[in-house]
């Protein structure tokens, strides 16, 4: 698996080293995992990642940086009209292993900074690859069928 991680890491680094490329990272990850015999699919929806360490949690301030899928939000319709993704996050699901793979988490802190969100939690790892039932308790991946279908359709166009 280490060889596969290195291959994916090299491929996504060539795409660009910035936030906002989760769909492109998912496309490269799926291609490489498929070549290595995995049944990999794009998944999309919402992501919530801790951005504040527990000492900074006053019970009022937001503790997570998030991409929240909401197809009813008019801002998302505007984003689509401009040719951009709506607010959502994309990652890879491994069907047989019931695992998620996300190489775009490395850019969450940068994305938070762009949005003016203070980050005092630990830096995100270069990637997350783990069984669905072992995702850390403070991290939320919330797949949505419509978002995943939309992401799959977009993958075919990029």
N, C-alpha and C. Protein backbone atom coordinates (compact mmCIF):
# COMPACT_ATOMS: atom_id res chain seq x y z
N UNK A 1 0.81 -1.19 0.00
CA UNK A 1 0.00 0.00 0.00
C UNK A 1 0.86 1.27 0.00
N UNK A 2 2.02 1.21 0.65
CA UNK A 2 2.91 2.38 0.70
C UNK A 2 3.27 2.87 -0.70
N UNK A 3 3.51 1.93 -1.60
CA UNK A 3 3.83 2.26 -3.00
C UNK A 3 2.66 2.99 -3.66
N UNK A 4 1.45 2.54 -3.39
CA UNK A 4 0.26 3.17 -3.96
C UNK A 4 0.09 4.59 -3.42
N UNK A 5 0.31 4.77 -2.12
CA UNK A 5 0.21 6.11 -1.52
C UNK A 5 1.22 7.06 -2.16
N UNK A 6 2.44 6.59 -2.35
CA UNK A 6 3.47 7.42 -2.98
C UNK A 6 3.07 7.80 -4.40
N UNK A 7 2.51 6.84 -5.14
CA UNK A 7 2.09 7.10 -6.52
C UNK A 7 0.96 8.14 -6.56
N UNK A 8 -0.01 8.00 -5.67
CA UNK A 8 -1.11 8.97 -5.62
C UNK A 8 -0.57 10.34 -5.21
N UNK A 9 0.28 10.36 -4.21
CA UNK A 9 0.85 11.61 -3.73
C UNK A 9 1.56 12.36 -4.85
N UNK A 10 2.33 11.65 -5.65
CA UNK A 10 3.05 12.26 -6.77
C UNK A 10 2.07 12.78 -7.82
N UNK A 11 1.03 12.00 -8.09
CA UNK A 11 0.05 12.39 -9.12
C UNK A 11 -0.73 13.63 -8.70
N UNK A 12 -1.19 13.69 -7.46
CA UNK A 12 -1.98 14.85 -7.04
C UNK A 12 -1.11 16.09 -6.91
N UNK A 13 0.16 15.91 -6.60
CA UNK A 13 1.07 17.06 -6.51
C UNK A 13 1.23 17.74 -7.86
N UNK A 14 1.11 16.97 -8.94
CA UNK A 14 1.23 17.54 -10.29
C UNK A 14 -0.02 18.33 -10.68
N UNK A 15 -1.15 18.04 -10.05
CA UNK A 15 -2.40 18.74 -10.37
C UNK A 15 -2.32 20.18 -9.90
N UNK A 16 -1.79 20.37 -8.73
CA UNK A 16 -1.71 21.69 -8.12
C UNK A 16 -1.63 21.53 -6.63
N UNK A 17 -0.95 22.45 -6.01
CA UNK A 17 -0.75 22.35 -4.56
C UNK A 17 -1.55 23.45 -3.88
N UNK A 18 -2.88 23.34 -3.98
CA UNK A 18 -3.75 24.35 -3.38
C UNK A 18 -5.11 23.72 -3.08
N UNK A 19 -5.89 24.43 -2.31
CA UNK A 19 -7.23 23.96 -1.98
C UNK A 19 -8.15 24.09 -3.19
N UNK A 20 -9.30 23.46 -3.10
CA UNK A 20 -10.31 23.58 -4.15
C UNK A 20 -10.19 22.57 -5.27
N UNK A 21 -9.33 21.59 -5.10
CA UNK A 21 -9.10 20.61 -6.17
C UNK A 21 -9.54 19.20 -5.78
N UNK A 22 -10.44 19.08 -4.81
CA UNK A 22 -10.80 17.76 -4.30
C UNK A 22 -11.34 16.83 -5.39
N UNK A 23 -12.12 17.34 -6.34
CA UNK A 23 -12.64 16.50 -7.41
C UNK A 23 -11.50 16.00 -8.31
N UNK A 24 -10.55 16.86 -8.60
CA UNK A 24 -9.41 16.47 -9.42
C UNK A 24 -8.53 15.46 -8.68
N UNK A 25 -8.34 15.67 -7.39
CA UNK A 25 -7.58 14.71 -6.58
C UNK A 25 -8.29 13.36 -6.56
N UNK A 26 -9.62 13.39 -6.44
CA UNK A 26 -10.39 12.14 -6.44
C UNK A 26 -10.23 11.41 -7.77
N UNK A 27 -10.25 12.17 -8.87
CA UNK A 27 -10.11 11.54 -10.19
C UNK A 27 -8.78 10.81 -10.31
N UNK A 28 -7.69 11.46 -9.93
CA UNK A 28 -6.37 10.82 -10.00
C UNK A 28 -6.27 9.62 -9.05
N UNK A 29 -6.83 9.78 -7.87
CA UNK A 29 -6.80 8.70 -6.88
C UNK A 29 -7.55 7.48 -7.39
N UNK A 30 -8.73 7.69 -7.97
CA UNK A 30 -9.52 6.58 -8.51
C UNK A 30 -8.76 5.88 -9.63
N UNK A 31 -8.15 6.64 -10.52
CA UNK A 31 -7.41 6.04 -11.64
C UNK A 31 -6.29 5.15 -11.13
N UNK A 32 -5.54 5.62 -10.16
CA UNK A 32 -4.41 4.85 -9.64
C UNK A 32 -4.89 3.64 -8.85
N UNK A 33 -5.89 3.83 -8.01
CA UNK A 33 -6.40 2.71 -7.22
C UNK A 33 -7.00 1.63 -8.11
N UNK A 34 -7.67 2.05 -9.18
CA UNK A 34 -8.25 1.08 -10.12
C UNK A 34 -7.15 0.26 -10.79
N UNK A 35 -6.06 0.92 -11.16
CA UNK A 35 -4.93 0.19 -11.75
C UNK A 35 -4.33 -0.82 -10.77
N UNK A 36 -4.47 -0.53 -9.48
CA UNK A 36 -3.93 -1.43 -8.45
C UNK A 36 -4.97 -2.46 -7.98
N UNK A 37 -6.11 -2.54 -8.69
CA UNK A 37 -7.09 -3.58 -8.40
C UNK A 37 -8.18 -3.22 -7.41
N UNK A 38 -8.27 -1.98 -6.98
CA UNK A 38 -9.32 -1.57 -6.06
C UNK A 38 -10.58 -1.20 -6.83
N UNK A 39 -11.74 -1.41 -6.22
CA UNK A 39 -13.00 -0.87 -6.76
C UNK A 39 -13.23 0.46 -6.06
N UNK A 40 -12.84 1.53 -6.75
CA UNK A 40 -12.87 2.87 -6.17
C UNK A 40 -13.92 3.72 -6.87
N UNK A 41 -14.67 4.49 -6.07
CA UNK A 41 -15.70 5.37 -6.61
C UNK A 41 -15.57 6.74 -5.97
N UNK A 42 -16.05 7.75 -6.69
CA UNK A 42 -16.08 9.08 -6.10
C UNK A 42 -17.27 9.15 -5.15
N UNK A 43 -17.06 9.80 -4.03
CA UNK A 43 -18.14 10.11 -3.10
C UNK A 43 -18.08 11.61 -2.85
N UNK A 44 -19.24 12.19 -2.58
CA UNK A 44 -19.29 13.63 -2.35
C UNK A 44 -20.40 13.94 -1.37
N UNK A 45 -20.26 15.08 -0.76
CA UNK A 45 -21.23 15.53 0.23
C UNK A 45 -20.57 16.57 1.11
N UNK A 46 -20.68 16.37 2.42
CA UNK A 46 -20.17 17.33 3.39
C UNK A 46 -18.96 16.77 4.13
N UNK A 47 -18.10 17.67 4.56
CA UNK A 47 -16.94 17.33 5.38
C UNK A 47 -16.84 18.35 6.50
N UNK A 48 -16.61 17.87 7.71
CA UNK A 48 -16.37 18.73 8.86
C UNK A 48 -15.07 18.26 9.50
N UNK A 49 -14.10 19.16 9.62
CA UNK A 49 -12.77 18.84 10.14
C UNK A 49 -12.44 19.80 11.28
N UNK A 50 -11.95 19.30 12.41
CA UNK A 50 -11.65 20.20 13.53
C UNK A 50 -10.57 21.22 13.18
N UNK A 51 -10.86 22.48 13.47
CA UNK A 51 -9.89 23.53 13.21
C UNK A 51 -9.42 24.21 14.50
N UNK A 52 -10.10 23.95 15.59
CA UNK A 52 -9.70 24.53 16.87
C UNK A 52 -9.30 23.43 17.85
N UNK A 53 -8.25 23.68 18.59
CA UNK A 53 -7.88 22.72 19.63
C UNK A 53 -8.87 22.87 20.79
N UNK A 54 -8.96 21.86 21.62
CA UNK A 54 -9.98 21.83 22.67
C UNK A 54 -9.87 23.02 23.63
N UNK A 55 -8.67 23.54 23.86
CA UNK A 55 -8.49 24.68 24.77
C UNK A 55 -9.17 25.95 24.23
N UNK A 56 -9.34 26.04 22.92
CA UNK A 56 -9.94 27.22 22.32
C UNK A 56 -11.46 27.11 22.16
N UNK A 57 -12.03 25.98 22.56
CA UNK A 57 -13.47 25.77 22.44
C UNK A 57 -14.17 26.42 23.63
N UNK A 58 -14.82 27.54 23.37
CA UNK A 58 -15.54 28.25 24.42
C UNK A 58 -17.03 27.90 24.44
N UNK A 59 -17.43 26.95 23.61
CA UNK A 59 -18.83 26.56 23.54
C UNK A 59 -19.66 27.43 22.62
N UNK A 60 -19.05 28.46 22.06
CA UNK A 60 -19.77 29.39 21.19
C UNK A 60 -19.17 29.40 19.78
N UNK A 61 -17.86 29.51 19.71
CA UNK A 61 -17.17 29.62 18.42
C UNK A 61 -17.21 28.27 17.69
N UNK A 62 -17.24 28.34 16.37
CA UNK A 62 -17.22 27.12 15.55
C UNK A 62 -15.90 26.39 15.76
N UNK A 63 -15.98 25.10 15.92
CA UNK A 63 -14.79 24.29 16.18
C UNK A 63 -14.30 23.52 14.96
N UNK A 64 -15.10 23.53 13.88
CA UNK A 64 -14.75 22.77 12.69
C UNK A 64 -14.78 23.65 11.45
N UNK A 65 -13.89 23.35 10.52
CA UNK A 65 -13.95 23.93 9.18
C UNK A 65 -14.75 22.94 8.35
N UNK A 66 -15.64 23.44 7.51
CA UNK A 66 -16.55 22.52 6.82
C UNK A 66 -16.85 22.94 5.40
N UNK A 67 -17.12 21.94 4.60
CA UNK A 67 -17.76 22.09 3.30
C UNK A 67 -19.11 21.41 3.47
N UNK A 68 -20.19 22.18 3.37
CA UNK A 68 -21.51 21.63 3.62
C UNK A 68 -22.34 21.60 2.33
N UNK A 69 -22.68 20.41 1.90
CA UNK A 69 -23.50 20.21 0.72
C UNK A 69 -24.94 20.62 1.04
N UNK A 70 -25.47 21.57 0.29
CA UNK A 70 -26.85 22.00 0.45
C UNK A 70 -27.37 22.41 -0.93
N UNK A 71 -28.02 21.48 -1.63
CA UNK A 71 -28.47 21.80 -2.99
C UNK A 71 -29.54 22.88 -3.06
N UNK A 72 -30.13 23.25 -1.92
CA UNK A 72 -31.16 24.29 -1.93
C UNK A 72 -30.59 25.68 -1.71
N UNK A 73 -29.30 25.79 -1.42
CA UNK A 73 -28.68 27.08 -1.16
C UNK A 73 -28.52 27.85 -2.47
N UNK A 74 -29.08 29.08 -2.58
CA UNK A 74 -28.97 29.84 -3.84
C UNK A 74 -27.53 30.17 -4.22
N UNK A 75 -26.65 30.27 -3.26
CA UNK A 75 -25.24 30.54 -3.57
C UNK A 75 -24.65 29.38 -4.39
N UNK A 76 -25.10 28.17 -4.10
CA UNK A 76 -24.63 27.01 -4.86
C UNK A 76 -25.11 27.07 -6.31
N UNK A 77 -26.33 27.51 -6.52
CA UNK A 77 -26.84 27.67 -7.90
C UNK A 77 -26.01 28.71 -8.65
N UNK A 78 -25.66 29.80 -7.98
CA UNK A 78 -24.83 30.84 -8.57
C UNK A 78 -23.46 30.28 -8.92
N UNK A 79 -22.88 29.50 -8.02
CA UNK A 79 -21.57 28.89 -8.26
C UNK A 79 -21.62 27.98 -9.49
N UNK A 80 -22.67 27.19 -9.59
CA UNK A 80 -22.83 26.31 -10.76
C UNK A 80 -22.96 27.12 -12.05
N UNK A 81 -23.69 28.22 -11.99
CA UNK A 81 -23.87 29.07 -13.16
C UNK A 81 -22.54 29.64 -13.64
N UNK A 82 -21.60 29.82 -12.71
CA UNK A 82 -20.27 30.32 -13.07
C UNK A 82 -19.34 29.20 -13.53
N UNK A 83 -19.84 27.96 -13.50
CA UNK A 83 -19.03 26.82 -13.93
C UNK A 83 -18.18 26.23 -12.82
N UNK A 84 -18.50 26.57 -11.57
CA UNK A 84 -17.76 26.06 -10.42
C UNK A 84 -18.56 24.98 -9.70
N UNK A 85 -17.87 24.21 -8.86
CA UNK A 85 -18.57 23.28 -7.99
C UNK A 85 -19.37 24.06 -6.96
N UNK A 86 -20.51 23.52 -6.56
CA UNK A 86 -21.18 24.13 -5.41
C UNK A 86 -20.37 23.78 -4.17
N UNK A 87 -20.77 24.34 -3.03
CA UNK A 87 -20.05 23.98 -1.81
C UNK A 87 -20.31 22.50 -1.52
N UNK A 88 -19.27 21.72 -1.62
CA UNK A 88 -19.32 20.29 -1.35
C UNK A 88 -17.88 19.79 -1.27
N UNK A 89 -17.72 18.58 -0.83
CA UNK A 89 -16.39 17.98 -0.78
C UNK A 89 -16.45 16.64 -1.49
N UNK A 90 -15.35 16.27 -2.15
CA UNK A 90 -15.26 15.00 -2.87
C UNK A 90 -14.11 14.17 -2.31
N UNK A 91 -14.31 12.88 -2.24
CA UNK A 91 -13.28 11.94 -1.78
C UNK A 91 -13.52 10.61 -2.47
N UNK A 92 -12.75 9.61 -2.14
CA UNK A 92 -12.85 8.31 -2.80
C UNK A 92 -13.32 7.28 -1.79
N UNK A 93 -14.23 6.44 -2.23
CA UNK A 93 -14.67 5.30 -1.42
C UNK A 93 -14.16 4.01 -2.04
N UNK A 94 -13.64 3.14 -1.20
CA UNK A 94 -13.22 1.80 -1.64
C UNK A 94 -14.33 0.84 -1.24
N UNK A 95 -15.02 0.31 -2.24
CA UNK A 95 -16.24 -0.45 -1.99
C UNK A 95 -15.99 -1.74 -1.22
N UNK A 96 -15.01 -2.52 -1.63
CA UNK A 96 -14.79 -3.82 -0.99
C UNK A 96 -14.23 -3.68 0.42
N UNK A 97 -13.40 -2.70 0.64
CA UNK A 97 -12.76 -2.52 1.94
C UNK A 97 -13.59 -1.65 2.90
N UNK A 98 -14.60 -0.95 2.36
CA UNK A 98 -15.38 0.01 3.14
C UNK A 98 -14.45 1.04 3.79
N UNK A 99 -13.60 1.65 2.93
CA UNK A 99 -12.63 2.64 3.37
C UNK A 99 -12.84 3.92 2.58
N UNK A 100 -12.38 5.02 3.16
CA UNK A 100 -12.35 6.28 2.43
C UNK A 100 -10.90 6.69 2.23
N UNK A 101 -10.66 7.36 1.12
CA UNK A 101 -9.33 7.85 0.77
C UNK A 101 -9.50 9.31 0.35
N UNK A 102 -8.74 10.19 0.99
CA UNK A 102 -8.87 11.62 0.70
C UNK A 102 -7.48 12.25 0.78
N UNK A 103 -6.92 12.58 -0.39
CA UNK A 103 -5.61 13.21 -0.44
C UNK A 103 -5.71 14.73 -0.46
N UNK A 104 -6.91 15.27 -0.46
CA UNK A 104 -7.05 16.73 -0.48
C UNK A 104 -7.09 17.35 0.92
N UNK A 105 -7.13 16.52 1.96
CA UNK A 105 -7.20 17.08 3.32
C UNK A 105 -5.96 17.90 3.65
N UNK A 106 -4.87 17.67 2.97
CA UNK A 106 -3.64 18.44 3.19
C UNK A 106 -3.83 19.94 3.01
N UNK A 107 -4.89 20.33 2.30
CA UNK A 107 -5.13 21.74 1.99
C UNK A 107 -6.22 22.38 2.85
N UNK A 108 -6.75 21.66 3.83
CA UNK A 108 -7.85 22.21 4.63
C UNK A 108 -7.45 23.45 5.41
N UNK A 109 -6.27 23.43 5.99
CA UNK A 109 -5.83 24.59 6.79
C UNK A 109 -5.69 25.82 5.89
N UNK A 110 -5.16 25.63 4.71
CA UNK A 110 -5.02 26.73 3.74
C UNK A 110 -6.40 27.25 3.32
N UNK A 111 -7.34 26.34 3.07
CA UNK A 111 -8.69 26.74 2.69
C UNK A 111 -9.36 27.51 3.81
N UNK A 112 -9.14 27.08 5.04
CA UNK A 112 -9.71 27.78 6.19
C UNK A 112 -9.14 29.20 6.28
N UNK A 113 -7.85 29.34 6.06
CA UNK A 113 -7.21 30.66 6.12
C UNK A 113 -7.80 31.59 5.06
N UNK A 114 -8.02 31.07 3.87
CA UNK A 114 -8.62 31.87 2.79
C UNK A 114 -10.00 32.38 3.20
N UNK A 115 -10.71 31.56 3.97
CA UNK A 115 -12.06 31.93 4.44
C UNK A 115 -12.03 32.75 5.73
N UNK A 116 -10.84 33.02 6.24
CA UNK A 116 -10.72 33.79 7.47
C UNK A 116 -10.97 32.99 8.74
N UNK A 117 -10.89 31.68 8.64
CA UNK A 117 -11.12 30.81 9.79
C UNK A 117 -9.80 30.58 10.52
N UNK A 118 -9.81 30.83 11.82
CA UNK A 118 -8.63 30.59 12.65
C UNK A 118 -8.42 29.10 12.85
N UNK A 119 -7.18 28.63 12.73
CA UNK A 119 -6.86 27.21 12.86
C UNK A 119 -5.83 27.04 13.97
N UNK A 120 -6.23 26.40 15.08
CA UNK A 120 -5.30 26.12 16.17
C UNK A 120 -5.17 24.62 16.43
N UNK A 121 -5.98 23.82 15.75
CA UNK A 121 -5.90 22.36 15.89
C UNK A 121 -4.64 21.86 15.19
N UNK A 122 -4.36 20.59 15.36
CA UNK A 122 -3.22 19.98 14.66
C UNK A 122 -3.41 20.11 13.15
N UNK A 123 -2.30 20.24 12.44
CA UNK A 123 -2.37 20.30 10.98
C UNK A 123 -2.96 19.00 10.45
N UNK A 124 -3.78 19.09 9.39
CA UNK A 124 -4.30 17.86 8.78
C UNK A 124 -3.15 17.04 8.19
N UNK A 125 -3.34 15.73 8.07
CA UNK A 125 -2.30 14.90 7.44
C UNK A 125 -2.26 15.13 5.93
N UNK A 126 -1.26 14.56 5.28
CA UNK A 126 -1.17 14.66 3.81
C UNK A 126 -2.31 13.91 3.13
N UNK A 127 -2.85 12.90 3.81
CA UNK A 127 -4.00 12.17 3.28
C UNK A 127 -4.69 11.44 4.43
N UNK A 128 -5.94 11.09 4.18
CA UNK A 128 -6.68 10.24 5.10
C UNK A 128 -7.06 8.98 4.33
N UNK A 129 -6.69 7.82 4.86
CA UNK A 129 -7.06 6.54 4.25
C UNK A 129 -7.37 5.64 5.43
N UNK A 130 -8.63 5.37 5.63
CA UNK A 130 -9.00 4.54 6.78
C UNK A 130 -10.37 3.91 6.58
N UNK A 131 -10.64 2.84 7.33
CA UNK A 131 -11.98 2.25 7.29
C UNK A 131 -13.02 3.27 7.74
N UNK A 132 -14.18 3.18 7.15
CA UNK A 132 -15.25 4.12 7.48
C UNK A 132 -15.56 4.08 8.98
N UNK A 133 -15.52 2.91 9.58
CA UNK A 133 -15.87 2.80 11.00
C UNK A 133 -14.72 3.20 11.93
N UNK A 134 -13.60 3.67 11.35
CA UNK A 134 -12.47 4.10 12.18
C UNK A 134 -12.06 5.55 11.90
N UNK A 135 -12.95 6.29 11.24
CA UNK A 135 -12.69 7.71 11.05
C UNK A 135 -12.69 8.34 12.44
N UNK A 136 -11.72 9.19 12.75
CA UNK A 136 -11.70 9.81 14.08
C UNK A 136 -13.03 10.47 14.43
N UNK A 137 -13.40 10.40 15.69
CA UNK A 137 -14.71 10.88 16.15
C UNK A 137 -14.98 12.34 15.83
N UNK A 138 -13.94 13.17 15.77
CA UNK A 138 -14.17 14.59 15.56
C UNK A 138 -14.16 14.99 14.08
N UNK A 139 -14.04 14.02 13.19
CA UNK A 139 -14.05 14.27 11.74
C UNK A 139 -15.33 13.65 11.18
N UNK A 140 -16.02 14.41 10.35
CA UNK A 140 -17.27 13.92 9.77
C UNK A 140 -17.22 13.97 8.24
N UNK A 141 -17.34 12.81 7.64
CA UNK A 141 -17.58 12.69 6.19
C UNK A 141 -19.04 12.29 6.07
N UNK A 142 -19.83 13.11 5.37
CA UNK A 142 -21.25 12.84 5.23
C UNK A 142 -21.57 12.72 3.74
N UNK A 143 -21.55 11.49 3.21
CA UNK A 143 -21.83 11.33 1.78
C UNK A 143 -23.30 11.60 1.46
N UNK A 144 -23.54 12.09 0.27
CA UNK A 144 -24.89 12.34 -0.21
C UNK A 144 -25.00 11.74 -1.60
N UNK A 145 -26.04 10.98 -1.83
CA UNK A 145 -26.18 10.28 -3.11
C UNK A 145 -26.24 11.26 -4.29
N UNK A 146 -27.02 12.33 -4.17
CA UNK A 146 -27.13 13.29 -5.28
C UNK A 146 -25.80 14.00 -5.53
N UNK A 147 -25.11 14.38 -4.47
CA UNK A 147 -23.81 15.03 -4.62
C UNK A 147 -22.81 14.07 -5.27
N UNK A 148 -22.87 12.80 -4.88
CA UNK A 148 -21.94 11.80 -5.44
C UNK A 148 -22.23 11.54 -6.92
N UNK A 149 -23.50 11.49 -7.28
CA UNK A 149 -23.86 11.33 -8.70
C UNK A 149 -23.39 12.54 -9.50
N UNK A 150 -23.62 13.72 -8.95
CA UNK A 150 -23.17 14.95 -9.60
C UNK A 150 -21.65 14.94 -9.80
N UNK A 151 -20.92 14.56 -8.76
CA UNK A 151 -19.45 14.50 -8.85
C UNK A 151 -19.02 13.47 -9.89
N UNK A 152 -19.70 12.34 -9.94
CA UNK A 152 -19.36 11.31 -10.92
C UNK A 152 -19.57 11.81 -12.35
N UNK A 153 -20.65 12.54 -12.57
CA UNK A 153 -20.91 13.11 -13.90
C UNK A 153 -19.82 14.12 -14.25
N UNK A 154 -19.44 14.96 -13.30
CA UNK A 154 -18.38 15.95 -13.55
C UNK A 154 -17.05 15.28 -13.84
N UNK A 155 -16.77 14.17 -13.14
CA UNK A 155 -15.50 13.47 -13.37
C UNK A 155 -15.34 13.05 -14.82
N UNK A 156 -16.42 12.75 -15.46
CA UNK A 156 -16.38 12.31 -16.85
C UNK A 156 -16.08 13.44 -17.81
N UNK A 157 -16.18 14.69 -17.30
CA UNK A 157 -15.96 15.85 -18.17
C UNK A 157 -14.59 16.50 -17.96
N UNK A 158 -13.88 16.11 -16.90
CA UNK A 158 -12.57 16.74 -16.66
C UNK A 158 -11.43 15.80 -17.03
